[in-house]
Amino acid sequence: MVNLSNLFLRMEELNVTSKKLSDATGISTGNIGDWKYGRSKPGAESLILLADCLDCSVDYLLGRTDVPEMNRK
């Protein structure tokens, strides 16, 4: 099961609203709301956009790590 709680935690940490995230990524606020309430899950392309926008890793968004920072080279 995919746990997206880190997505919404990161949004809160960075003071990013669903509207701001939508504007930055092109992902609809409806999709973001569906993810929040478990009605659907983001695909790989959306996860990459979200991670780039929120400056964290896809693994963090998926709850596979508690460390949001990416190892950038």
N, C-alpha and C. Protein backbone atom coordinates (compact mmCIF):
# COMPACT_ATOMS: atom_id res chain seq x y z
N MET A 1 0.83 -1.19 0.00
CA MET A 1 0.00 0.00 0.00
C MET A 1 0.88 1.25 0.00
N VAL A 2 0.50 2.22 -0.79
CA VAL A 2 1.25 3.47 -0.90
C VAL A 2 0.77 4.43 0.18
N ASN A 3 1.72 4.97 0.94
CA ASN A 3 1.40 5.94 1.99
C ASN A 3 1.91 7.30 1.53
N LEU A 4 0.99 8.21 1.27
CA LEU A 4 1.37 9.54 0.77
C LEU A 4 1.39 10.61 1.86
N SER A 5 1.40 10.20 3.12
CA SER A 5 1.37 11.20 4.19
C SER A 5 2.58 12.13 4.13
N ASN A 6 3.74 11.63 3.67
CA ASN A 6 4.91 12.50 3.56
C ASN A 6 4.72 13.59 2.52
N LEU A 7 3.94 13.31 1.49
CA LEU A 7 3.64 14.35 0.49
C LEU A 7 2.98 15.54 1.16
N PHE A 8 1.97 15.27 1.95
CA PHE A 8 1.22 16.36 2.57
C PHE A 8 1.98 16.98 3.73
N LEU A 9 2.81 16.20 4.41
CA LEU A 9 3.69 16.74 5.44
C LEU A 9 4.69 17.71 4.81
N ARG A 10 5.28 17.32 3.70
CA ARG A 10 6.26 18.18 3.02
C ARG A 10 5.61 19.46 2.52
N MET A 11 4.40 19.35 1.98
CA MET A 11 3.67 20.54 1.54
C MET A 11 3.48 21.50 2.71
N GLU A 12 3.11 20.95 3.86
CA GLU A 12 2.90 21.78 5.05
C GLU A 12 4.21 22.42 5.51
N GLU A 13 5.29 21.64 5.53
CA GLU A 13 6.60 22.16 5.94
C GLU A 13 7.04 23.34 5.08
N LEU A 14 6.76 23.26 3.79
CA LEU A 14 7.19 24.30 2.85
C LEU A 14 6.11 25.36 2.61
N ASN A 15 4.99 25.23 3.31
CA ASN A 15 3.87 26.16 3.16
C ASN A 15 3.39 26.22 1.70
N VAL A 16 3.23 25.04 1.11
CA VAL A 16 2.77 24.91 -0.26
C VAL A 16 1.33 24.39 -0.25
N THR A 17 0.43 25.17 -0.79
CA THR A 17 -0.97 24.76 -0.87
C THR A 17 -1.17 23.86 -2.09
N SER A 18 -2.31 23.20 -2.12
CA SER A 18 -2.65 22.38 -3.30
C SER A 18 -2.66 23.24 -4.55
N LYS A 19 -3.15 24.46 -4.44
CA LYS A 19 -3.21 25.38 -5.58
C LYS A 19 -1.80 25.72 -6.06
N LYS A 20 -0.91 26.05 -5.12
CA LYS A 20 0.48 26.36 -5.50
C LYS A 20 1.15 25.16 -6.15
N LEU A 21 0.92 23.98 -5.59
CA LEU A 21 1.51 22.77 -6.15
C LEU A 21 0.96 22.49 -7.54
N SER A 22 -0.32 22.71 -7.71
CA SER A 22 -0.96 22.54 -9.01
C SER A 22 -0.37 23.50 -10.04
N ASP A 23 -0.23 24.76 -9.65
CA ASP A 23 0.33 25.76 -10.57
C ASP A 23 1.76 25.42 -10.97
N ALA A 24 2.54 24.89 -10.01
CA ALA A 24 3.96 24.60 -10.27
C ALA A 24 4.17 23.32 -11.08
N THR A 25 3.24 22.37 -10.96
CA THR A 25 3.45 21.07 -11.60
C THR A 25 2.51 20.78 -12.76
N GLY A 26 1.40 21.50 -12.83
CA GLY A 26 0.40 21.21 -13.85
C GLY A 26 -0.53 20.07 -13.46
N ILE A 27 -0.38 19.57 -12.25
CA ILE A 27 -1.27 18.52 -11.72
C ILE A 27 -2.49 19.20 -11.14
N SER A 28 -3.67 18.71 -11.46
CA SER A 28 -4.90 19.38 -11.00
C SER A 28 -5.07 19.28 -9.49
N THR A 29 -5.72 20.29 -8.93
CA THR A 29 -6.03 20.26 -7.49
C THR A 29 -6.97 19.10 -7.19
N GLY A 30 -7.79 18.73 -8.15
CA GLY A 30 -8.67 17.58 -7.97
C GLY A 30 -7.89 16.29 -7.77
N ASN A 31 -6.85 16.10 -8.57
CA ASN A 31 -5.99 14.92 -8.40
C ASN A 31 -5.31 14.94 -7.04
N ILE A 32 -4.80 16.09 -6.65
CA ILE A 32 -4.12 16.20 -5.36
C ILE A 32 -5.10 15.87 -4.23
N GLY A 33 -6.31 16.36 -4.32
CA GLY A 33 -7.34 16.04 -3.33
C GLY A 33 -7.67 14.55 -3.31
N ASP A 34 -7.75 13.95 -4.48
CA ASP A 34 -8.02 12.51 -4.56
C ASP A 34 -6.92 11.72 -3.87
N TRP A 35 -5.67 12.14 -4.03
CA TRP A 35 -4.56 11.46 -3.37
C TRP A 35 -4.67 11.62 -1.86
N LYS A 36 -5.01 12.82 -1.43
CA LYS A 36 -5.10 13.10 0.01
C LYS A 36 -6.13 12.20 0.68
N TYR A 37 -7.24 11.96 0.00
CA TYR A 37 -8.32 11.18 0.60
C TYR A 37 -8.34 9.73 0.14
N GLY A 38 -7.27 9.29 -0.51
CA GLY A 38 -7.11 7.89 -0.86
C GLY A 38 -7.97 7.40 -2.00
N ARG A 39 -8.52 8.31 -2.79
CA ARG A 39 -9.37 7.90 -3.91
C ARG A 39 -8.57 7.46 -5.13
N SER A 40 -7.32 7.89 -5.20
CA SER A 40 -6.42 7.47 -6.28
C SER A 40 -4.99 7.68 -5.83
N LYS A 41 -4.07 7.25 -6.66
CA LYS A 41 -2.64 7.38 -6.35
C LYS A 41 -1.92 8.00 -7.54
N PRO A 42 -0.88 8.78 -7.29
CA PRO A 42 -0.14 9.39 -8.40
C PRO A 42 0.69 8.36 -9.15
N GLY A 43 0.86 8.59 -10.44
CA GLY A 43 1.73 7.76 -11.26
C GLY A 43 3.17 8.21 -11.14
N ALA A 44 4.04 7.49 -11.81
CA ALA A 44 5.48 7.77 -11.74
C ALA A 44 5.82 9.18 -12.21
N GLU A 45 5.22 9.61 -13.31
CA GLU A 45 5.52 10.95 -13.84
C GLU A 45 5.11 12.03 -12.84
N SER A 46 3.95 11.87 -12.23
CA SER A 46 3.49 12.84 -11.23
C SER A 46 4.39 12.85 -10.01
N LEU A 47 4.82 11.67 -9.57
CA LEU A 47 5.71 11.60 -8.41
C LEU A 47 7.02 12.32 -8.67
N ILE A 48 7.55 12.20 -9.87
CA ILE A 48 8.79 12.90 -10.21
C ILE A 48 8.57 14.41 -10.20
N LEU A 49 7.48 14.87 -10.77
CA LEU A 49 7.16 16.31 -10.75
C LEU A 49 7.02 16.81 -9.32
N LEU A 50 6.32 16.05 -8.49
CA LEU A 50 6.11 16.44 -7.10
C LEU A 50 7.43 16.50 -6.34
N ALA A 51 8.26 15.49 -6.51
CA ALA A 51 9.55 15.45 -5.82
C ALA A 51 10.42 16.63 -6.23
N ASP A 52 10.45 16.94 -7.52
CA ASP A 52 11.24 18.08 -7.99
C ASP A 52 10.71 19.39 -7.40
N CYS A 53 9.41 19.55 -7.40
CA CYS A 53 8.80 20.78 -6.90
C CYS A 53 9.00 20.95 -5.39
N LEU A 54 8.93 19.84 -4.66
CA LEU A 54 9.03 19.89 -3.20
C LEU A 54 10.44 19.62 -2.70
N ASP A 55 11.40 19.54 -3.62
CA ASP A 55 12.82 19.35 -3.29
C ASP A 55 13.03 18.17 -2.34
N CYS A 56 12.52 17.03 -2.75
CA CYS A 56 12.69 15.82 -1.97
C CYS A 56 12.74 14.63 -2.92
N SER A 57 12.95 13.46 -2.38
CA SER A 57 13.02 12.27 -3.23
C SER A 57 11.65 11.63 -3.38
N VAL A 58 11.50 10.87 -4.44
CA VAL A 58 10.27 10.09 -4.63
C VAL A 58 10.13 9.08 -3.49
N ASP A 59 11.24 8.49 -3.07
CA ASP A 59 11.19 7.55 -1.94
C ASP A 59 10.60 8.21 -0.70
N TYR A 60 10.96 9.46 -0.44
CA TYR A 60 10.40 10.17 0.70
C TYR A 60 8.89 10.34 0.53
N LEU A 61 8.46 10.75 -0.65
CA LEU A 61 7.03 10.95 -0.88
C LEU A 61 6.24 9.66 -0.69
N LEU A 62 6.86 8.53 -1.02
CA LEU A 62 6.19 7.24 -0.91
C LEU A 62 6.33 6.61 0.48
N GLY A 63 7.03 7.30 1.39
CA GLY A 63 7.18 6.78 2.75
C GLY A 63 8.23 5.69 2.88
N ARG A 64 9.11 5.59 1.88
CA ARG A 64 10.17 4.57 1.93
C ARG A 64 11.39 5.03 2.71
N THR A 65 11.44 6.32 3.04
CA THR A 65 12.50 6.89 3.87
C THR A 65 11.91 8.07 4.63
N ASP A 66 12.52 8.38 5.76
CA ASP A 66 12.08 9.52 6.55
C ASP A 66 12.91 10.76 6.27
N VAL A 67 13.87 10.65 5.37
CA VAL A 67 14.78 11.75 5.05
C VAL A 67 14.35 12.37 3.72
N PRO A 68 13.88 13.63 3.74
CA PRO A 68 13.40 14.23 2.50
C PRO A 68 14.49 14.61 1.51
N GLU A 69 15.71 14.83 1.98
CA GLU A 69 16.77 15.32 1.11
C GLU A 69 17.16 14.27 0.08
N MET A 70 17.47 14.77 -1.11
CA MET A 70 17.94 13.90 -2.18
C MET A 70 19.46 13.92 -2.21
N ASN A 71 20.04 12.86 -2.70
CA ASN A 71 21.49 12.81 -2.91
C ASN A 71 21.78 13.32 -4.30
N ARG A 72 22.02 14.61 -4.42
CA ARG A 72 22.30 15.20 -5.73
C ARG A 72 23.79 15.25 -5.96
N LYS A 73 24.17 14.97 -7.19
CA LYS A 73 25.59 14.97 -7.53
C LYS A 73 25.90 16.13 -8.43
